C-alpha atoms as a PDB file:
ATOM      1  CA  UNK A   1     -16.205   0.954  -5.492  1.00  0.00           C
ATOM      2  CA  UNK A   2     -15.609   4.534  -6.654  1.00  0.00           C
ATOM      3  CA  UNK A   3     -18.931   6.202  -5.925  1.00  0.00           C
ATOM      4  CA  UNK A   4     -19.866   9.033  -3.640  1.00  0.00           C
ATOM      5  CA  UNK A   5     -23.071   7.432  -2.409  1.00  0.00           C
ATOM      6  CA  UNK A   6     -24.487  10.364  -0.478  1.00  0.00           C
ATOM      7  CA  UNK A   7     -23.593  13.777   0.888  1.00  0.00           C
ATOM      8  CA  UNK A   8     -25.896  14.754   3.741  1.00  0.00           C
ATOM      9  CA  UNK A   9     -25.695  18.527   4.100  1.00  0.00           C
ATOM     10  CA  UNK A  10     -27.765  18.551   7.305  1.00  0.00           C
ATOM     11  CA  UNK A  11     -25.590  16.024   9.162  1.00  0.00           C
ATOM     12  CA  UNK A  12     -22.495  17.249   7.269  1.00  0.00           C
ATOM     13  CA  UNK A  13     -21.480  13.693   6.410  1.00  0.00           C
ATOM     14  CA  UNK A  14     -20.709  11.704   3.291  1.00  0.00           C
ATOM     15  CA  UNK A  15     -21.056   8.025   2.505  1.00  0.00           C
ATOM     16  CA  UNK A  16     -18.397   7.001  -0.002  1.00  0.00           C
ATOM     17  CA  UNK A  17     -16.880   3.860  -1.416  1.00  0.00           C
ATOM     18  CA  UNK A  18     -13.167   3.228  -0.769  1.00  0.00           C
ATOM     19  CA  UNK A  19     -12.042   4.009  -4.317  1.00  0.00           C
ATOM     20  CA  UNK A  20     -13.259   7.628  -4.277  1.00  0.00           C
ATOM     21  CA  UNK A  21     -10.348   9.939  -5.017  1.00  0.00           C
ATOM     22  CA  UNK A  22      -9.716  12.461  -2.228  1.00  0.00           C
ATOM     23  CA  UNK A  23      -9.909  15.542  -4.469  1.00  0.00           C
ATOM     24  CA  UNK A  24     -13.183  14.289  -6.012  1.00  0.00           C
ATOM     25  CA  UNK A  25     -14.760  14.140  -2.557  1.00  0.00           C
ATOM     26  CA  UNK A  26     -13.427  17.602  -1.762  1.00  0.00           C
ATOM     27  CA  UNK A  27     -14.935  19.012  -4.973  1.00  0.00           C
ATOM     28  CA  UNK A  28     -18.296  17.318  -4.354  1.00  0.00           C
ATOM     29  CA  UNK A  29     -18.385  18.595  -0.764  1.00  0.00           C
ATOM     30  CA  UNK A  30     -17.481  22.118  -1.919  1.00  0.00           C
ATOM     31  CA  UNK A  31     -20.616  22.208  -4.103  1.00  0.00           C
ATOM     32  CA  UNK A  32     -22.569  21.988  -0.824  1.00  0.00           C
ATOM     33  CA  UNK A  33     -20.451  24.521   1.050  1.00  0.00           C
ATOM     34  CA  UNK A  34     -18.552  21.777   2.909  1.00  0.00           C
ATOM     35  CA  UNK A  35     -15.038  20.387   2.746  1.00  0.00           C
ATOM     36  CA  UNK A  36     -13.157  17.222   3.617  1.00  0.00           C
ATOM     37  CA  UNK A  37     -10.126  18.379   5.599  1.00  0.00           C
ATOM     38  CA  UNK A  38      -7.537  15.611   5.063  1.00  0.00           C
ATOM     39  CA  UNK A  39      -5.547  16.810   2.057  1.00  0.00           C
ATOM     40  CA  UNK A  40      -2.394  14.789   1.453  1.00  0.00           C
ATOM     41  CA  UNK A  41      -0.119  16.129  -1.283  1.00  0.00           C
ATOM     42  CA  UNK A  42      -1.214  13.200  -3.462  1.00  0.00           C
ATOM     43  CA  UNK A  43      -4.899  14.111  -3.124  1.00  0.00           C
ATOM     44  CA  UNK A  44      -5.487  13.973  -6.894  1.00  0.00           C
ATOM     45  CA  UNK A  45      -4.503  10.294  -6.896  1.00  0.00           C
ATOM     46  CA  UNK A  46      -5.077   8.927  -3.379  1.00  0.00           C
ATOM     47  CA  UNK A  47      -8.338   7.281  -2.401  1.00  0.00           C
ATOM     48  CA  UNK A  48     -10.470   7.537   0.704  1.00  0.00           C
ATOM     49  CA  UNK A  49      -9.838   3.850   1.444  1.00  0.00           C
ATOM     50  CA  UNK A  50      -6.093   4.478   1.307  1.00  0.00           C
ATOM     51  CA  UNK A  51      -6.465   7.580   3.464  1.00  0.00           C
ATOM     52  CA  UNK A  52      -8.301   5.542   6.097  1.00  0.00           C
ATOM     53  CA  UNK A  53      -5.761   2.718   5.926  1.00  0.00           C
ATOM     54  CA  UNK A  54      -2.804   5.082   6.350  1.00  0.00           C
ATOM     55  CA  UNK A  55      -4.439   7.805   8.491  1.00  0.00           C
ATOM     56  CA  UNK A  56      -3.425  10.402   5.917  1.00  0.00           C
ATOM     57  CA  UNK A  57      -2.971  14.048   6.733  1.00  0.00           C
ATOM     58  CA  UNK A  58      -1.842  17.200   4.994  1.00  0.00           C
ATOM     59  CA  UNK A  59      -1.606  20.936   5.728  1.00  0.00           C
ATOM     60  CA  UNK A  60      -5.263  21.311   6.779  1.00  0.00           C
ATOM     61  CA  UNK A  61      -4.770  18.528   9.309  1.00  0.00           C
ATOM     62  CA  UNK A  62      -2.592  20.734  11.476  1.00  0.00           C
ATOM     63  CA  UNK A  63      -5.802  22.527  12.401  1.00  0.00           C
ATOM     64  CA  UNK A  64      -8.611  20.049  11.625  1.00  0.00           C
ATOM     65  CA  UNK A  65      -7.007  16.682  12.437  1.00  0.00           C
ATOM     66  CA  UNK A  66      -6.003  13.651  10.397  1.00  0.00           C
ATOM     67  CA  UNK A  67      -8.254  11.119   8.677  1.00  0.00           C
ATOM     68  CA  UNK A  68      -9.314   9.296  11.860  1.00  0.00           C
ATOM     69  CA  UNK A  69     -10.778  12.575  13.117  1.00  0.00           C
ATOM     70  CA  UNK A  70     -13.103  12.661  10.090  1.00  0.00           C
ATOM     71  CA  UNK A  71     -14.191   9.037   9.661  1.00  0.00           C
ATOM     72  CA  UNK A  72     -17.293   8.057  11.636  1.00  0.00           C
ATOM     73  CA  UNK A  73     -17.328   4.400  10.606  1.00  0.00           C
ATOM     74  CA  UNK A  74     -16.312   1.825   8.061  1.00  0.00           C
ATOM     75  CA  UNK A  75     -18.138  -1.138   6.629  1.00  0.00           C
ATOM     76  CA  UNK A  76     -15.541  -3.832   6.177  1.00  0.00           C
ATOM     77  CA  UNK A  77     -15.696  -6.808   3.813  1.00  0.00           C
ATOM     78  CA  UNK A  78     -13.016  -9.407   4.453  1.00  0.00           C
ATOM     79  CA  UNK A  79     -11.411 -11.571   1.755  1.00  0.00           C
ATOM     80  CA  UNK A  80     -12.154 -14.587   3.950  1.00  0.00           C
ATOM     81  CA  UNK A  81     -15.878 -14.022   3.344  1.00  0.00           C
ATOM     82  CA  UNK A  82     -16.588 -12.996   6.920  1.00  0.00           C
ATOM     83  CA  UNK A  83     -20.254 -12.245   7.512  1.00  0.00           C
ATOM     84  CA  UNK A  84     -21.339  -8.926   5.988  1.00  0.00           C
ATOM     85  CA  UNK A  85     -22.437  -6.188   8.309  1.00  0.00           C
ATOM     86  CA  UNK A  86     -19.332  -5.978  10.453  1.00  0.00           C
ATOM     87  CA  UNK A  87     -18.384  -2.351  10.964  1.00  0.00           C
ATOM     88  CA  UNK A  88     -15.366  -0.713  12.542  1.00  0.00           C
ATOM     89  CA  UNK A  89     -16.305   2.211  14.730  1.00  0.00           C
ATOM     90  CA  UNK A  90     -14.196   5.215  15.661  1.00  0.00           C
ATOM     91  CA  UNK A  91     -10.962   4.117  17.279  1.00  0.00           C
ATOM     92  CA  UNK A  92     -10.524   4.288  21.011  1.00  0.00           C
ATOM     93  CA  UNK A  93      -7.220   5.434  22.445  1.00  0.00           C
ATOM     94  CA  UNK A  94      -5.942   1.881  22.128  1.00  0.00           C
ATOM     95  CA  UNK A  95      -7.458   0.212  19.052  1.00  0.00           C
ATOM     96  CA  UNK A  96     -10.319  -0.156  16.583  1.00  0.00           C
ATOM     97  CA  UNK A  97     -13.382  -1.965  17.858  1.00  0.00           C
ATOM     98  CA  UNK A  98     -15.730  -4.034  15.757  1.00  0.00           C
ATOM     99  CA  UNK A  99     -19.380  -4.829  16.184  1.00  0.00           C
ATOM    100  CA  UNK A 100     -21.620  -7.210  14.291  1.00  0.00           C
END
């Protein structure tokens, strides 16, 4: 659960697993002339999954926005063995929505 699965330079998106360390994603994106804006002070230790769970920020977020402004979707696997394929989409003003 620590892989950067894909960086799409055309769409300027990345597919990553939740255990990817923030600074590792930033370094991988930089090789393609891109960057991942959320940069909490613990970026050398924090993971993308943790960033999404806590809506992490950092100095760049004053201009570019916090984690929720950079996450297009999540594939969620529940400990209760809920059916695979459920995905949380970008939050609305009130809450996350899920679709099967």
